[in-house]
C-alpha atoms as a PDB file:
ATOM      1  CA  MET A   1     188.080 154.508 119.974  1.00  0.00           C
ATOM      2  CA  GLU A   2     187.631 155.142 116.289  1.00  0.00           C
ATOM      3  CA  ASP A   3     190.076 157.130 114.140  1.00  0.00           C
ATOM      4  CA  GLU A   4     187.833 160.210 114.312  1.00  0.00           C
ATOM      5  CA  GLY A   5     188.183 160.215 118.101  1.00  0.00           C
ATOM      6  CA  LEU A   6     191.914 159.727 117.789  1.00  0.00           C
ATOM      7  CA  GLN A   7     192.074 162.781 115.517  1.00  0.00           C
ATOM      8  CA  LYS A   8     190.156 164.903 118.037  1.00  0.00           C
ATOM      9  CA  VAL A   9     192.517 163.887 120.831  1.00  0.00           C
ATOM     10  CA  SER A  10     195.548 164.518 118.611  1.00  0.00           C
ATOM     11  CA  LYS A  11     194.393 168.067 117.877  1.00  0.00           C
ATOM     12  CA  ARG A  12     194.066 168.768 121.598  1.00  0.00           C
ATOM     13  CA  LEU A  13     197.595 167.411 122.102  1.00  0.00           C
ATOM     14  CA  GLY A  14     198.890 169.535 119.223  1.00  0.00           C
ATOM     15  CA  ILE A  15     199.799 166.565 117.015  1.00  0.00           C
ATOM     16  CA  THR A  16     199.053 167.172 113.337  1.00  0.00           C
ATOM     17  CA  SER A  17     201.255 164.621 111.575  1.00  0.00           C
ATOM     18  CA  ARG A  18     199.355 161.959 109.647  1.00  0.00           C
ATOM     19  CA  ASP A  19     202.234 159.498 110.221  1.00  0.00           C
ATOM     20  CA  ILE A  20     201.899 159.840 113.994  1.00  0.00           C
ATOM     21  CA  LEU A  21     198.128 159.365 113.805  1.00  0.00           C
ATOM     22  CA  GLU A  22     198.563 156.198 111.767  1.00  0.00           C
ATOM     23  CA  LYS A  23     201.212 154.890 114.152  1.00  0.00           C
ATOM     24  CA  ALA A  24     198.982 155.614 117.157  1.00  0.00           C
ATOM     25  CA  ALA A  25     196.063 153.803 115.488  1.00  0.00           C
ATOM     26  CA  GLU A  26     198.336 150.831 114.868  1.00  0.00           C
ATOM     27  CA  PHE A  27     199.435 150.873 118.525  1.00  0.00           C
ATOM     28  CA  GLN A  28     195.771 150.826 119.589  1.00  0.00           C
ATOM     29  CA  ARG A  29     195.102 147.822 117.356  1.00  0.00           C
ATOM     30  CA  LEU A  30     198.155 146.045 118.787  1.00  0.00           C
ATOM     31  CA  LEU A  31     196.880 146.636 122.316  1.00  0.00           C
ATOM     32  CA  GLU A  32     193.531 145.122 121.391  1.00  0.00           C
ATOM     33  CA  VAL A  33     195.225 142.099 119.804  1.00  0.00           C
ATOM     34  CA  ARG A  34     197.475 141.606 122.819  1.00  0.00           C
ATOM     35  CA  ASN A  35     194.365 141.700 125.004  1.00  0.00           C
ATOM     36  CA  CYS A  36     195.524 144.562 127.195  1.00  0.00           C
ATOM     37  CA  SER A  37     193.049 144.551 130.075  1.00  0.00           C
ATOM     38  CA  LEU A  38     194.337 147.508 132.058  1.00  0.00           C
ATOM     39  CA  PRO A  39     191.690 149.420 133.993  1.00  0.00           C
ATOM     40  CA  LEU A  40     191.935 152.618 131.922  1.00  0.00           C
ATOM     41  CA  THR A  41     189.470 155.340 131.073  1.00  0.00           C
ATOM     42  CA  SER A  42     188.083 155.378 127.530  1.00  0.00           C
ATOM     43  CA  MET A  43     190.381 158.294 126.687  1.00  0.00           C
ATOM     44  CA  ALA A  44     193.552 156.953 128.303  1.00  0.00           C
ATOM     45  CA  LYS A  45     194.519 154.362 125.674  1.00  0.00           C
ATOM     46  CA  PRO A  46     194.299 156.753 122.690  1.00  0.00           C
ATOM     47  CA  VAL A  47     196.158 159.482 124.591  1.00  0.00           C
ATOM     48  CA  ILE A  48     198.941 157.098 125.645  1.00  0.00           C
ATOM     49  CA  CYS A  49     199.180 155.587 122.150  1.00  0.00           C
ATOM     50  CA  LEU A  50     199.443 159.070 120.648  1.00  0.00           C
ATOM     51  CA  GLU A  51     202.135 160.066 123.115  1.00  0.00           C
ATOM     52  CA  ILE A  52     204.159 156.915 122.422  1.00  0.00           C
ATOM     53  CA  ALA A  53     203.784 157.428 118.655  1.00  0.00           C
ATOM     54  CA  ALA A  54     204.887 161.051 119.001  1.00  0.00           C
ATOM     55  CA  HIS A  55     207.918 160.071 121.099  1.00  0.00           C
ATOM     56  CA  SER A  56     208.956 157.482 118.518  1.00  0.00           C
ATOM     57  CA  SER A  57     208.900 160.263 115.897  1.00  0.00           C
ATOM     58  CA  GLN A  58     210.735 162.730 118.186  1.00  0.00           C
ATOM     59  CA  VAL A  59     207.704 165.031 118.399  1.00  0.00           C
ATOM     60  CA  PRO A  60     207.307 166.652 121.836  1.00  0.00           C
ATOM     61  CA  VAL A  61     204.034 166.244 123.725  1.00  0.00           C
ATOM     62  CA  ASP A  62     202.974 168.232 126.775  1.00  0.00           C
ATOM     63  CA  LYS A  63     202.699 165.543 129.460  1.00  0.00           C
ATOM     64  CA  ARG A  64     200.394 167.712 131.609  1.00  0.00           C
ATOM     65  CA  VAL A  65     197.886 168.075 128.774  1.00  0.00           C
ATOM     66  CA  ALA A  66     198.081 164.328 128.053  1.00  0.00           C
ATOM     67  CA  ILE A  67     197.407 163.487 131.698  1.00  0.00           C
ATOM     68  CA  ARG A  68     194.461 165.893 131.821  1.00  0.00           C
ATOM     69  CA  LEU A  69     192.977 164.485 128.597  1.00  0.00           C
ATOM     70  CA  SER A  70     193.342 160.911 129.834  1.00  0.00           C
ATOM     71  CA  GLY A  71     191.150 161.578 132.873  1.00  0.00           C
ATOM     72  CA  MET A  72     193.660 159.856 135.146  1.00  0.00           C
ATOM     73  CA  ASN A  73     195.836 161.129 137.961  1.00  0.00           C
ATOM     74  CA  LYS A  74     199.543 161.631 137.274  1.00  0.00           C
ATOM     75  CA  LYS A  75     200.825 158.477 138.989  1.00  0.00           C
ATOM     76  CA  SER A  76     198.237 156.207 137.350  1.00  0.00           C
ATOM     77  CA  TYR A  77     198.927 157.736 133.946  1.00  0.00           C
ATOM     78  CA  ILE A  78     202.685 157.300 134.228  1.00  0.00           C
ATOM     79  CA  ASP A  79     202.288 153.702 135.425  1.00  0.00           C
ATOM     80  CA  ALA A  80     199.882 152.894 132.580  1.00  0.00           C
ATOM     81  CA  PHE A  81     202.178 154.659 130.103  1.00  0.00           C
ATOM     82  CA  LYS A  82     205.148 152.504 131.154  1.00  0.00           C
ATOM     83  CA  ILE A  83     203.100 149.289 130.999  1.00  0.00           C
ATOM     84  CA  ILE A  84     201.721 150.078 127.546  1.00  0.00           C
ATOM     85  CA  GLU A  85     205.151 151.178 126.351  1.00  0.00           C
ATOM     86  CA  CYS A  86     206.519 147.761 127.388  1.00  0.00           C
ATOM     87  CA  LEU A  87     203.581 145.891 125.814  1.00  0.00           C
ATOM     88  CA  LEU A  88     204.213 147.713 122.543  1.00  0.00           C
ATOM     89  CA  GLU A  89     207.976 147.170 122.884  1.00  0.00           C
ATOM     90  CA  GLN A  90     208.645 150.909 122.535  1.00  0.00           C
ATOM     91  CA  GLN A  91     210.854 151.484 125.593  1.00  0.00           C
ATOM     92  CA  LYS A  92     213.638 153.977 125.103  1.00  0.00           C
ATOM     93  CA  GLU A  93     217.110 152.489 125.135  1.00  0.00           C
ATOM     94  CA  PHE A  94     219.574 154.409 127.261  1.00  0.00           C
ATOM     95  CA  THR A  95     223.218 154.998 126.431  1.00  0.00           C
ATOM     96  CA  ILE A  96     225.985 155.341 128.966  1.00  0.00           C
ATOM     97  CA  SER A  97     226.064 159.069 128.219  1.00  0.00           C
ATOM     98  CA  ASP A  98     222.311 159.340 128.969  1.00  0.00           C
ATOM     99  CA  LEU A  99     222.807 157.618 132.309  1.00  0.00           C
ATOM    100  CA  ALA A 100     225.831 159.795 133.139  1.00  0.00           C
ATOM    101  CA  VAL A 101     223.773 162.940 132.520  1.00  0.00           C
ATOM    102  CA  GLN A 102     220.854 161.579 134.553  1.00  0.00           C
ATOM    103  CA  PHE A 103     223.059 160.782 137.547  1.00  0.00           C
ATOM    104  CA  GLY A 104     225.284 163.860 137.194  1.00  0.00           C
ATOM    105  CA  CYS A 105     228.586 162.052 136.707  1.00  0.00           C
ATOM    106  CA  MET A 106     229.732 162.968 133.217  1.00  0.00           C
ATOM    107  CA  GLU A 107     233.365 162.320 134.108  1.00  0.00           C
ATOM    108  CA  ALA A 108     232.526 158.615 134.524  1.00  0.00           C
ATOM    109  CA  SER A 109     230.980 158.400 131.058  1.00  0.00           C
ATOM    110  CA  ASN A 110     234.245 157.650 129.209  1.00  0.00           C
ATOM    111  CA  LEU A 111     235.315 155.074 131.790  1.00  0.00           C
ATOM    112  CA  GLY A 112     231.894 153.429 131.642  1.00  0.00           C
ATOM    113  CA  GLN A 113     232.055 153.293 127.842  1.00  0.00           C
ATOM    114  CA  ARG A 114     235.515 151.659 127.914  1.00  0.00           C
ATOM    115  CA  ILE A 115     234.362 149.065 130.456  1.00  0.00           C
ATOM    116  CA  TYR A 116     231.232 148.327 128.432  1.00  0.00           C
ATOM    117  CA  GLU A 117     233.253 147.763 125.249  1.00  0.00           C
ATOM    118  CA  ARG A 118     235.464 145.085 126.867  1.00  0.00           C
END
Protein backbone atom coordinates (compact mmCIF):
# COMPACT_ATOMS: atom_id res chain seq x y z
CA MET A 1 0.00 0.00 0.00
CA GLU A 2 1.39 3.38 -0.91
CA ASP A 3 2.06 6.17 1.60
CA GLU A 4 -1.18 7.93 0.62
CA GLY A 5 -3.14 4.84 1.67
CA LEU A 6 -1.16 4.64 4.88
CA GLN A 7 -2.10 8.26 5.63
CA LYS A 8 -5.80 7.53 5.07
CA VAL A 9 -5.68 4.57 7.44
CA SER A 10 -3.74 6.60 10.01
CA LYS A 11 -6.40 9.32 10.01
CA ARG A 12 -9.10 6.72 10.67
CA LEU A 13 -7.01 5.36 13.55
CA GLY A 14 -6.48 8.88 14.91
CA ILE A 15 -2.72 8.90 14.31
CA THR A 16 -1.43 12.27 13.12
CA SER A 17 2.28 12.12 13.94
CA ARG A 18 4.57 12.22 10.92
CA ASP A 19 7.19 10.19 12.84
CA ILE A 20 4.73 7.34 13.38
CA LEU A 21 3.72 7.39 9.71
CA GLU A 22 7.35 7.18 8.64
CA LYS A 23 8.03 4.36 11.09
CA ALA A 24 4.97 2.44 9.87
CA ALA A 25 6.09 2.87 6.24
CA GLU A 26 9.51 1.54 7.20
CA PHE A 27 7.89 -1.45 8.94
CA GLN A 28 5.92 -2.18 5.75
CA ARG A 29 9.11 -2.08 3.69
CA LEU A 30 10.81 -4.42 6.17
CA LEU A 31 7.94 -6.88 5.88
CA GLU A 32 8.26 -6.86 2.10
CA VAL A 33 12.03 -7.41 2.33
CA ARG A 34 11.60 -10.25 4.81
CA ASN A 35 9.12 -11.82 2.40
CA CYS A 36 6.25 -11.99 4.87
CA SER A 37 3.71 -14.22 3.14
CA LEU A 38 0.93 -14.16 5.71
CA PRO A 39 -2.57 -14.50 4.30
CA LEU A 40 -3.70 -10.97 5.21
CA THR A 41 -6.20 -8.59 3.71
CA SER A 42 -4.81 -5.63 1.76
CA MET A 43 -5.60 -3.35 4.70
CA ALA A 44 -4.27 -5.58 7.48
CA LYS A 45 -0.54 -5.00 6.98
CA PRO A 46 -0.74 -1.18 7.01
CA VAL A 47 -3.08 -1.21 10.02
CA ILE A 48 -0.82 -3.58 11.97
CA CYS A 49 2.31 -1.63 11.00
CA LEU A 50 0.67 1.60 12.14
CA GLU A 51 -0.38 0.06 15.43
CA ILE A 52 3.12 -1.30 16.09
CA ALA A 53 4.67 2.07 15.19
CA ALA A 54 2.23 3.85 17.51
CA HIS A 55 2.97 1.44 20.37
CA SER A 56 6.71 1.98 19.94
CA SER A 57 6.08 5.73 20.33
CA GLN A 58 3.71 5.23 23.30
CA VAL A 59 0.72 6.53 21.33
CA PRO A 60 -2.53 4.70 22.18
CA VAL A 61 -4.54 3.08 19.40
CA ASP A 62 -8.10 1.81 19.69
CA LYS A 63 -7.70 -1.92 19.04
CA ARG A 64 -11.38 -2.30 18.07
CA VAL A 65 -11.06 0.32 15.34
CA ALA A 66 -7.82 -1.28 14.10
CA ILE A 67 -9.47 -4.70 13.90
CA ARG A 68 -12.46 -3.27 12.03
CA LEU A 69 -10.22 -1.41 9.56
CA SER A 70 -8.12 -4.51 8.92
CA GLY A 71 -11.14 -6.49 7.72
CA MET A 72 -10.15 -9.45 9.88
CA ASN A 73 -11.80 -11.09 12.86
CA LYS A 74 -10.35 -10.40 16.31
CA LYS A 75 -8.47 -13.69 16.75
CA SER A 76 -6.89 -13.57 13.28
CA TYR A 77 -5.88 -9.94 13.78
CA ILE A 78 -4.25 -10.60 17.15
CA ASP A 79 -2.41 -13.65 15.79
CA ALA A 80 -1.18 -11.70 12.75
CA PHE A 81 -0.22 -8.76 14.98
CA LYS A 82 1.94 -11.00 17.19
CA ILE A 83 3.61 -12.66 14.18
CA ILE A 84 4.39 -9.34 12.51
CA GLU A 85 5.57 -7.88 15.81
CA CYS A 86 8.05 -10.77 16.11
CA LEU A 87 9.16 -10.45 12.47
CA LEU A 88 9.86 -6.77 13.04
CA GLU A 89 11.54 -7.53 16.38
CA GLN A 90 9.23 -5.10 18.20
CA GLN A 91 7.98 -7.34 21.02
CA LYS A 92 7.49 -5.62 24.34
CA GLU A 93 9.92 -6.66 27.03
CA PHE A 94 8.28 -7.38 30.36
CA THR A 95 9.72 -6.53 33.76
CA ILE A 96 9.14 -8.51 36.91
CA SER A 97 6.83 -5.73 38.11
CA ASP A 98 4.76 -6.02 34.89
CA LEU A 99 4.38 -9.75 35.40
CA ALA A 100 3.49 -9.29 39.09
CA VAL A 101 0.71 -6.87 38.14
CA GLN A 102 -0.54 -9.18 35.39
CA PHE A 103 -0.74 -12.17 37.72
CA GLY A 104 -1.96 -10.19 40.75
CA CYS A 105 0.93 -11.00 43.08
CA MET A 106 2.62 -7.68 43.77
CA GLU A 107 4.02 -8.95 47.07
CA ALA A 108 6.20 -11.41 45.12
CA SER A 109 7.67 -8.65 42.95
CA ASN A 110 10.51 -7.73 45.34
CA LEU A 111 11.41 -11.37 45.95
CA GLY A 112 11.37 -12.06 42.22
CA GLN A 113 13.63 -9.06 41.58
CA ARG A 114 16.14 -10.23 44.23
CA ILE A 115 16.21 -13.75 42.78
CA TYR A 116 16.65 -12.40 39.25
CA GLU A 117 19.61 -10.23 40.31
CA ARG A 118 21.55 -13.20 41.74
